[in-house]
Each structure stands twice: as C-alpha cells, then as structure tokens.
Protein backbone atom coordinates (compact mmCIF):
# COMPACT_ATOMS: atom_id res chain seq x y z
CA MET A 1 0.00 0.00 0.00
CA ASP A 2 1.74 3.11 -1.30
CA ALA A 3 5.41 4.01 -1.47
CA VAL A 4 7.57 7.11 -1.09
CA ALA A 5 10.06 8.52 -3.57
CA SER A 6 13.54 7.74 -2.23
CA SER A 7 16.80 6.71 -3.87
CA ALA A 8 18.55 6.03 -0.55
CA HIS A 9 19.81 2.56 0.31
CA ASP A 10 17.13 0.28 1.74
CA PRO A 11 18.51 -1.06 5.04
CA VAL A 12 16.03 -3.94 5.32
CA ASP A 13 16.24 -7.51 4.04
CA PHE A 14 13.11 -6.99 1.92
CA PRO A 15 14.17 -3.96 -0.15
CA SER A 16 11.99 -2.40 -2.79
CA LEU A 17 12.26 -4.04 -6.20
CA ASN A 18 11.54 -0.70 -7.89
CA ALA A 19 14.34 1.83 -8.08
CA GLY A 20 13.56 5.20 -6.54
CA VAL A 21 10.57 4.15 -4.41
CA ARG A 22 10.53 2.58 -0.94
CA HIS A 23 8.12 1.68 1.84
CA ILE A 24 9.26 4.30 4.35
CA CYS A 25 5.93 5.50 5.71
CA GLY A 26 4.53 2.31 7.18
CA HIS A 27 1.49 1.67 5.01
CA ASP A 28 2.52 -1.98 4.67
CA ILE A 29 2.45 -2.12 8.49
CA HIS A 30 -1.05 -0.59 8.55
CA THR A 31 -2.30 -3.06 5.97
CA THR A 32 -0.84 -6.03 7.83
CA ILE A 33 -2.52 -4.90 11.06
CA ALA A 34 -5.88 -4.60 9.31
CA LEU A 35 -5.49 -8.07 7.78
CA ALA A 36 -4.59 -9.48 11.20
CA LEU A 37 -7.69 -7.85 12.68
CA ALA A 38 -9.91 -9.14 9.90
CA THR A 39 -8.56 -12.65 10.39
CA ALA A 40 -9.10 -12.55 14.16
CA LEU A 41 -12.60 -11.11 14.01
CA GLN A 42 -13.61 -13.56 11.28
CA GLN A 43 -12.75 -16.40 13.68
CA VAL A 44 -15.16 -15.07 16.33
CA ARG A 45 -17.71 -13.43 14.04
CA ASP A 46 -20.65 -15.35 15.51
CA SER A 47 -19.98 -13.82 18.93
CA LEU A 48 -19.72 -10.21 17.70
CA ALA A 49 -22.65 -7.95 18.51
CA GLY A 50 -22.41 -6.02 15.28
CA SER A 51 -20.46 -5.62 12.05
CA VAL A 52 -16.99 -4.36 11.23
CA MET A 53 -16.07 -2.88 7.86
CA PHE A 54 -12.42 -2.82 6.78
CA ILE A 55 -11.27 -0.15 4.36
CA PHE A 56 -7.78 0.05 2.88
CA GLN A 57 -7.05 3.65 2.01
CA PRO A 58 -4.56 4.38 -0.78
CA ALA A 59 -2.98 7.70 -1.78
CA GLU A 60 -2.63 9.11 1.73
CA GLU A 61 0.71 10.54 0.57
CA ARG A 62 -1.13 12.83 -1.83
CA ALA A 63 -4.02 13.33 0.61
CA THR A 64 -6.50 12.22 -2.07
CA GLY A 65 -7.29 8.63 -1.13
CA ALA A 66 -10.02 9.19 1.45
CA ARG A 67 -11.94 11.64 -0.73
CA ALA A 68 -11.63 9.32 -3.74
CA MET A 69 -13.02 6.42 -1.73
CA LEU A 70 -15.92 8.54 -0.51
CA ALA A 71 -16.63 9.65 -4.07
CA ASP A 72 -16.60 6.00 -5.14
CA GLY A 73 -19.26 5.22 -2.52
CA VAL A 74 -17.22 3.38 0.11
CA PHE A 75 -20.06 3.93 2.60
CA ALA A 76 -22.91 3.61 0.10
CA ALA A 77 -24.01 0.17 1.30
CA GLU A 78 -23.81 1.02 4.99
CA LEU A 79 -22.67 4.09 6.91
CA PRO A 80 -20.61 3.07 9.96
CA VAL A 81 -21.34 4.54 13.38
CA ALA A 82 -17.63 4.92 14.17
CA ILE A 83 -14.29 4.74 12.35
CA TYR A 84 -10.81 3.95 13.68
CA GLY A 85 -7.43 4.40 12.03
CA LEU A 86 -3.72 4.46 12.80
CA HIS A 87 -0.37 5.50 11.34
CA THR A 88 3.20 4.58 12.23
CA SER A 89 5.07 7.16 14.28
CA PRO A 90 8.34 7.78 16.17
CA TYR A 91 6.94 6.57 19.50
CA GLU A 92 8.81 3.53 20.80
CA ALA A 93 7.42 0.18 19.65
CA GLY A 94 4.93 -1.00 22.23
CA ARG A 95 3.44 2.44 22.66
CA MET A 96 0.63 4.34 20.96
CA ALA A 97 -0.83 7.83 21.25
CA THR A 98 -4.03 9.76 20.59
CA THR A 99 -5.98 12.76 21.86
CA PRO A 100 -9.54 14.09 21.78
CA GLY A 101 -10.08 16.93 19.32
CA PRO A 102 -7.42 18.21 16.89
CA MET A 103 -4.55 15.77 16.42
CA MET A 104 -3.14 16.56 12.97
CA ALA A 105 -3.33 19.81 11.06
CA GLY A 106 -5.49 20.20 8.03
CA ARG A 107 -4.36 22.20 5.06
CA ASP A 108 -6.49 24.93 3.52
CA ARG A 109 -5.72 26.73 0.27
CA PHE A 110 -6.57 30.17 -1.00
CA GLU A 111 -6.32 32.43 -4.02
CA VAL A 112 -6.27 36.24 -4.15
CA LEU A 113 -6.62 38.06 -7.48
CA LEU A 114 -5.57 41.73 -7.58
CA SER A 115 -6.57 44.07 -10.39
CA GLY A 116 -7.39 47.71 -11.08
CA SER A 117 -5.87 50.99 -12.20
CA GLY A 118 -3.88 51.66 -9.02
CA ASP A 119 -0.37 50.70 -7.97
CA LEU A 120 -0.36 46.94 -8.53
CA GLY A 121 3.08 46.48 -6.97
CA ALA A 122 2.11 48.30 -3.79
CA ALA A 123 -1.16 46.38 -3.59
CA THR A 124 0.66 43.07 -3.96
CA ALA A 125 3.16 43.96 -1.25
CA ALA A 126 0.37 45.01 1.11
CA VAL A 127 -1.60 41.79 0.58
CA VAL A 128 1.50 39.61 0.98
CA GLN A 129 2.28 41.36 4.26
CA ARG A 130 -1.30 40.91 5.46
CA LEU A 131 -1.38 37.20 4.53
CA ASN A 132 1.94 36.48 6.24
CA ALA A 133 0.72 38.31 9.35
CA LEU A 134 -2.12 35.79 9.70
CA GLY A 135 0.38 33.10 10.65
CA THR A 136 1.45 32.51 14.24
CA ILE A 137 4.58 30.62 13.13
CA ASP A 138 6.76 30.74 10.00
CA VAL A 139 8.39 28.08 7.83
CA SER A 140 11.48 27.98 10.05
CA GLN A 141 9.27 26.32 12.69
CA ILE A 142 7.59 23.83 10.38
CA GLY A 143 9.35 20.87 11.97
CA VAL A 144 8.71 21.95 15.56
CA PRO A 145 5.56 20.52 17.20
CA GLN A 146 3.14 23.31 18.12
CA PRO A 147 0.11 23.89 20.34
CA PRO A 148 -3.13 23.05 18.49
CA ASP A 149 -4.02 26.72 17.80
CA PHE A 150 -1.01 27.41 15.54
CA VAL A 151 -1.38 28.83 12.01
CA LEU A 152 1.25 28.40 9.27
CA VAL A 153 0.78 30.42 6.07
CA GLN A 154 2.85 29.43 3.04
CA LEU A 155 2.69 31.70 0.00
CA ASN A 156 3.66 30.80 -3.54
CA GLN A 157 5.44 33.28 -5.78
CA PRO A 158 3.01 35.95 -7.12
CA GLN A 159 1.94 35.37 -10.72
CA SER A 160 1.71 38.37 -13.04
CA LEU A 161 -1.22 38.10 -15.44
CA GLY A 162 -0.92 41.27 -17.49
CA GLY A 163 -2.85 43.85 -15.49
CA GLN A 164 -3.51 41.40 -12.67
CA VAL A 165 -1.57 39.56 -9.97
CA ARG A 166 -2.56 36.16 -8.66
CA LEU A 167 -1.51 35.09 -5.17
CA THR A 168 -1.97 31.50 -4.02
CA GLY A 169 -0.94 29.61 -0.93
CA THR A 170 -1.81 27.15 1.80
CA VAL A 171 -2.67 27.43 5.47
CA SER A 172 -1.76 24.62 7.87
CA VAL A 173 -4.19 24.83 10.78
CA ALA A 174 -5.63 22.44 13.35
CA SER A 175 -8.23 24.24 15.47
CA ALA A 176 -11.63 25.23 14.09
CA ALA A 177 -11.39 28.67 15.70
CA SER A 178 -8.04 29.43 14.07
CA ARG A 179 -9.33 28.23 10.71
CA GLN A 180 -12.38 30.48 10.92
CA ARG A 181 -10.25 33.50 11.85
CA VAL A 182 -7.96 33.05 8.85
CA GLN A 183 -10.80 32.24 6.48
CA ASP A 184 -12.70 35.38 7.45
CA ALA A 185 -9.56 37.50 7.12
CA VAL A 186 -8.82 36.21 3.62
CA ARG A 187 -12.37 36.35 2.30
CA THR A 188 -13.42 39.73 3.69
CA GLY A 189 -10.44 41.48 5.25
CA ILE A 190 -7.83 41.55 2.49
CA GLY A 191 -9.56 44.29 0.49
CA ALA A 192 -9.03 46.84 3.25
CA THR A 193 -5.26 46.55 2.87
CA VAL A 194 -4.94 47.62 -0.78
CA PRO A 195 -4.53 51.15 -2.16
CA ALA A 196 -7.40 53.05 -3.76
CA GLY A 197 -8.29 52.01 -7.29
CA MET A 198 -7.55 48.35 -6.70
CA THR A 199 -9.99 45.46 -6.41
CA VAL A 200 -9.52 42.13 -4.65
CA ALA A 201 -11.23 38.82 -5.38
CA ALA A 202 -10.42 36.15 -2.79
CA THR A 203 -11.43 32.50 -2.52
CA TYR A 204 -10.70 30.17 0.41
CA GLU A 205 -11.04 26.39 0.43
CA PRO A 206 -11.04 25.01 3.98
CA ARG A 207 -9.88 21.46 4.68
CA TRP A 208 -8.36 20.91 1.24
CA VAL A 209 -6.46 18.29 3.22
CA ALA A 210 -8.78 17.36 6.05
CA GLY A 211 -6.33 16.65 8.86
CA VAL A 212 -7.51 14.73 11.93
CA SER A 213 -9.88 15.80 14.70
CA ASN A 214 -10.97 13.00 17.00
CA ASP A 215 -14.42 12.55 18.49
CA SER A 216 -14.05 13.19 22.23
CA LEU A 217 -16.40 10.45 23.49
CA LEU A 218 -15.06 7.80 21.11
CA THR A 219 -11.49 8.75 22.01
CA SER A 220 -12.20 8.39 25.71
CA THR A 221 -13.77 4.95 25.39
CA ALA A 222 -11.21 3.68 22.86
CA ALA A 223 -8.33 4.93 25.02
CA ALA A 224 -9.71 3.05 28.01
CA ALA A 225 -9.98 -0.15 25.97
CA VAL A 226 -6.43 0.20 24.62
CA ARG A 227 -5.00 0.83 28.09
CA SER A 228 -6.87 -2.20 29.38
CA ALA A 229 -5.29 -4.33 26.64
CA LEU A 230 -1.75 -2.90 26.63
CA GLY A 231 -1.30 -1.34 30.06
CA ASP A 232 -1.75 2.18 31.38
CA GLN A 233 1.69 3.37 30.24
CA ALA A 234 1.30 2.11 26.67
CA LEU A 235 -0.97 4.94 25.48
CA ALA A 236 0.28 8.51 25.50
CA THR A 237 -1.79 11.68 25.07
CA VAL A 238 -0.80 13.92 22.16
CA THR A 239 -0.38 17.53 23.30
CA THR A 240 1.30 19.17 20.30
CA ILE A 241 0.86 19.00 16.53
CA PRO A 242 3.64 18.83 13.88
CA PRO A 243 2.90 21.48 11.20
CA ALA A 244 4.91 19.60 8.57
CA PHE A 245 2.63 16.55 8.51
CA SER A 246 -1.00 16.16 7.63
CA GLU A 247 -3.44 13.32 7.01
CA ASP A 248 -6.69 12.89 5.09
CA PHE A 249 -8.32 10.48 7.56
CA GLY A 250 -10.35 13.55 8.53
CA SER A 251 -12.28 13.23 5.25
CA PHE A 252 -13.81 10.07 6.68
CA GLN A 253 -14.36 11.83 10.01
CA GLU A 254 -16.49 14.42 8.22
CA ARG A 255 -18.96 11.61 7.57
CA VAL A 256 -18.37 9.31 10.54
CA PRO A 257 -17.20 10.08 14.11
CA GLY A 258 -13.72 8.65 14.44
CA VAL A 259 -10.51 8.15 16.38
CA PHE A 260 -6.99 8.12 14.99
CA PHE A 261 -3.93 6.65 16.72
CA TYR A 262 -0.20 7.02 16.34
CA LEU A 263 1.46 3.60 16.41
CA GLY A 264 5.00 3.57 17.75
CA VAL A 265 7.48 1.73 15.53
CA ALA A 266 10.78 3.17 16.83
CA ASN A 267 13.50 1.13 18.49
CA ALA A 268 16.00 3.43 20.20
CA ALA A 269 18.32 0.57 21.15
CA ARG A 270 18.76 -0.34 17.48
CA GLY A 271 18.88 3.25 16.25
CA TRP A 272 15.51 3.13 14.48
CA SER A 273 13.81 6.51 14.78
CA GLY A 274 10.49 5.38 13.29
CA LEU A 275 10.06 8.77 11.61
CA PRO A 276 7.99 8.36 8.41
CA HIS A 277 9.72 9.46 5.19
CA ASP A 278 13.12 9.48 6.88
CA ALA A 279 15.76 7.94 4.61
CA ASP A 280 16.70 5.49 7.38
CA TYR A 281 13.11 4.56 8.26
CA ILE A 282 12.73 1.06 9.64
CA ALA A 283 9.63 -0.08 11.51
CA ASP A 284 10.04 -2.42 14.45
CA GLU A 285 7.68 -5.21 13.42
CA ARG A 286 6.71 -5.91 17.02
CA ALA A 287 4.36 -2.96 16.47
CA ILE A 288 2.14 -5.12 14.26
CA VAL A 289 0.95 -7.21 17.22
CA VAL A 290 0.64 -4.08 19.37
CA GLY A 291 -1.50 -2.30 16.79
CA ALA A 292 -3.68 -5.32 16.11
CA THR A 293 -4.21 -5.95 19.83
CA ALA A 294 -5.09 -2.32 20.53
CA MET A 295 -7.49 -1.98 17.63
CA ALA A 296 -9.16 -5.30 18.45
CA ALA A 297 -9.72 -4.06 22.00
CA ALA A 298 -11.22 -0.78 20.79
CA LEU A 299 -13.46 -2.46 18.22
CA VAL A 300 -14.76 -5.20 20.50
CA ASP A 301 -15.42 -2.64 23.23
CA ARG A 302 -17.40 -0.50 20.77
CA LEU A 303 -19.39 -3.49 19.54
CA ARG A 304 -20.36 -4.29 23.14
C-alpha cells in the first residue's frame, strides 16, 4: 500500500524491487494490522454484537485517497457509526498515542486576485504582508511541534497576469477557531489593505487536506480499551501537533465520528527513529501485534 520517492539505500532484508521508491511510511504495516484484525474477528464473528467494515485507504501521501473512496461510494451500502485508524510514528514500539479533538493539522488553500488601475506592486506587497501576518509561526518552525491553535501560512510566488496579480498559498491549521479566523480575514479582510483604485477577489477552500480531529467520546472509550489491553503506560496523550505533517483520515471523520492513533514503531536501542519518510526509516515489526491488539480491544469494546 503506497510508497515514497527515495533513492537512498534500503537497510532492510526486503528492499523495494523498484528503483527510486521505498516503503518508508509504514502503510505496509497498517495493511498487515488490518489483515490481522480481519482474520481474528472472522474467527469469532458469531460472537460479535455487530459488524466491522475494513477499508484500505490508498494515496494518503497525496491526501487524495479518502476523498476518492468517498466519491466511489465506500459507505454507500452502509454508513458506519464509528471509524478507527492508525499510522506509524516515532513513539517507541509497544506504545501508541491519541488525543480528543485536533490531532493533525489540516491544510487549507486560498487564491487572491488583484486588479485595477492603481499601484499593482504596492497592492501586492500590502496583501502579501497581510497574509503572512495571519500566521502565528513561519516556515522555520515547520518541523517543531506546536500547540493546536497554531497557524502556518505558506505563499507561492506571485503570478503576473498582465494587469492582474494572482496570489496563491496554503494554510496549515488544526483548530476550528483558528481556521475560521484566517478564512474570514482572507475572504473579507484583504480588500481593506490595498490602495485606492484596486480590487480584490479572494477565494478560500477550507480542509483541502482534512487533517484529523478525534471525536471526544469515542477517544475516551477507545483509550480506556487500549490501556486495558496494553497497560496504562502504553498509550500517551498527544499535546502538540507537527505542522509539517498532515493526514486525510479527517475526510472520513467528516462523515463518521472517528478516532486516529499514532502507532509507535521506533527502536531506540537499534537506532531506528520510526520517523515516516526518513531515509533510514525502519519499523520495528513488534508494532504489528501491538497495533492489532489495541485496535481489536477498541473495536470489541465498541461493539459491546
């Protein structure tokens, strides 16, 4: 399930057979866990008080897979009452993590078109300054985990279109309140910054990449089930959000209340960081049993 562009040496004994692409995000781990769960639940299906649907989401790297599956009618036959997912992470193997509410930033995108008979250069500079001011952090902090209310604005180079200038960019944001503030500022507040004689047309697309925001009640009950299965110390609570990473599991959460988990695959003793997309990424395969056990506990608890 999926691969990442990388020409670095594969340090595992099952290297990619295709030059330039490697499994360094953990999607093969996710798929194996889901297959293990399906096998286990199939064996006790007559004792389950409900049904479990398994979905294998491709194209998470491009943040298009969840939306494509929804468009294809993945829930057309039956809409689940809850959805659970996980992704490998740098937590030590044997540990997992989650949190109620925002867990991974979404990514919005916007476009501002400037035109008119005034000073186009001055108008562009004013709008760029205003857009950058909406951020609470800049690109130098993109790799530093942040409190959930952070805002990162990334602007592309302005495009000159004859007598017009087109500005585009993205906003990485996790909290609903922060998203609304930026959206309102782009849609209605930019025009006040430009010189006389200029006009502004702005569009804003929230949740272009959906991010992850967990249902509070489901998170609480799932966390209790996971701790019961793995031990109290096995499940950490996420308190900060990495601006550099996003996830489209939230597209499913727009339709179905859900919980997302980080699955630890690091092994500090062996020098495995477990950081997805890192050139030296190796997943400690003990995490497969951990993930399958945890998700089985959460699912069976929900079915009860």
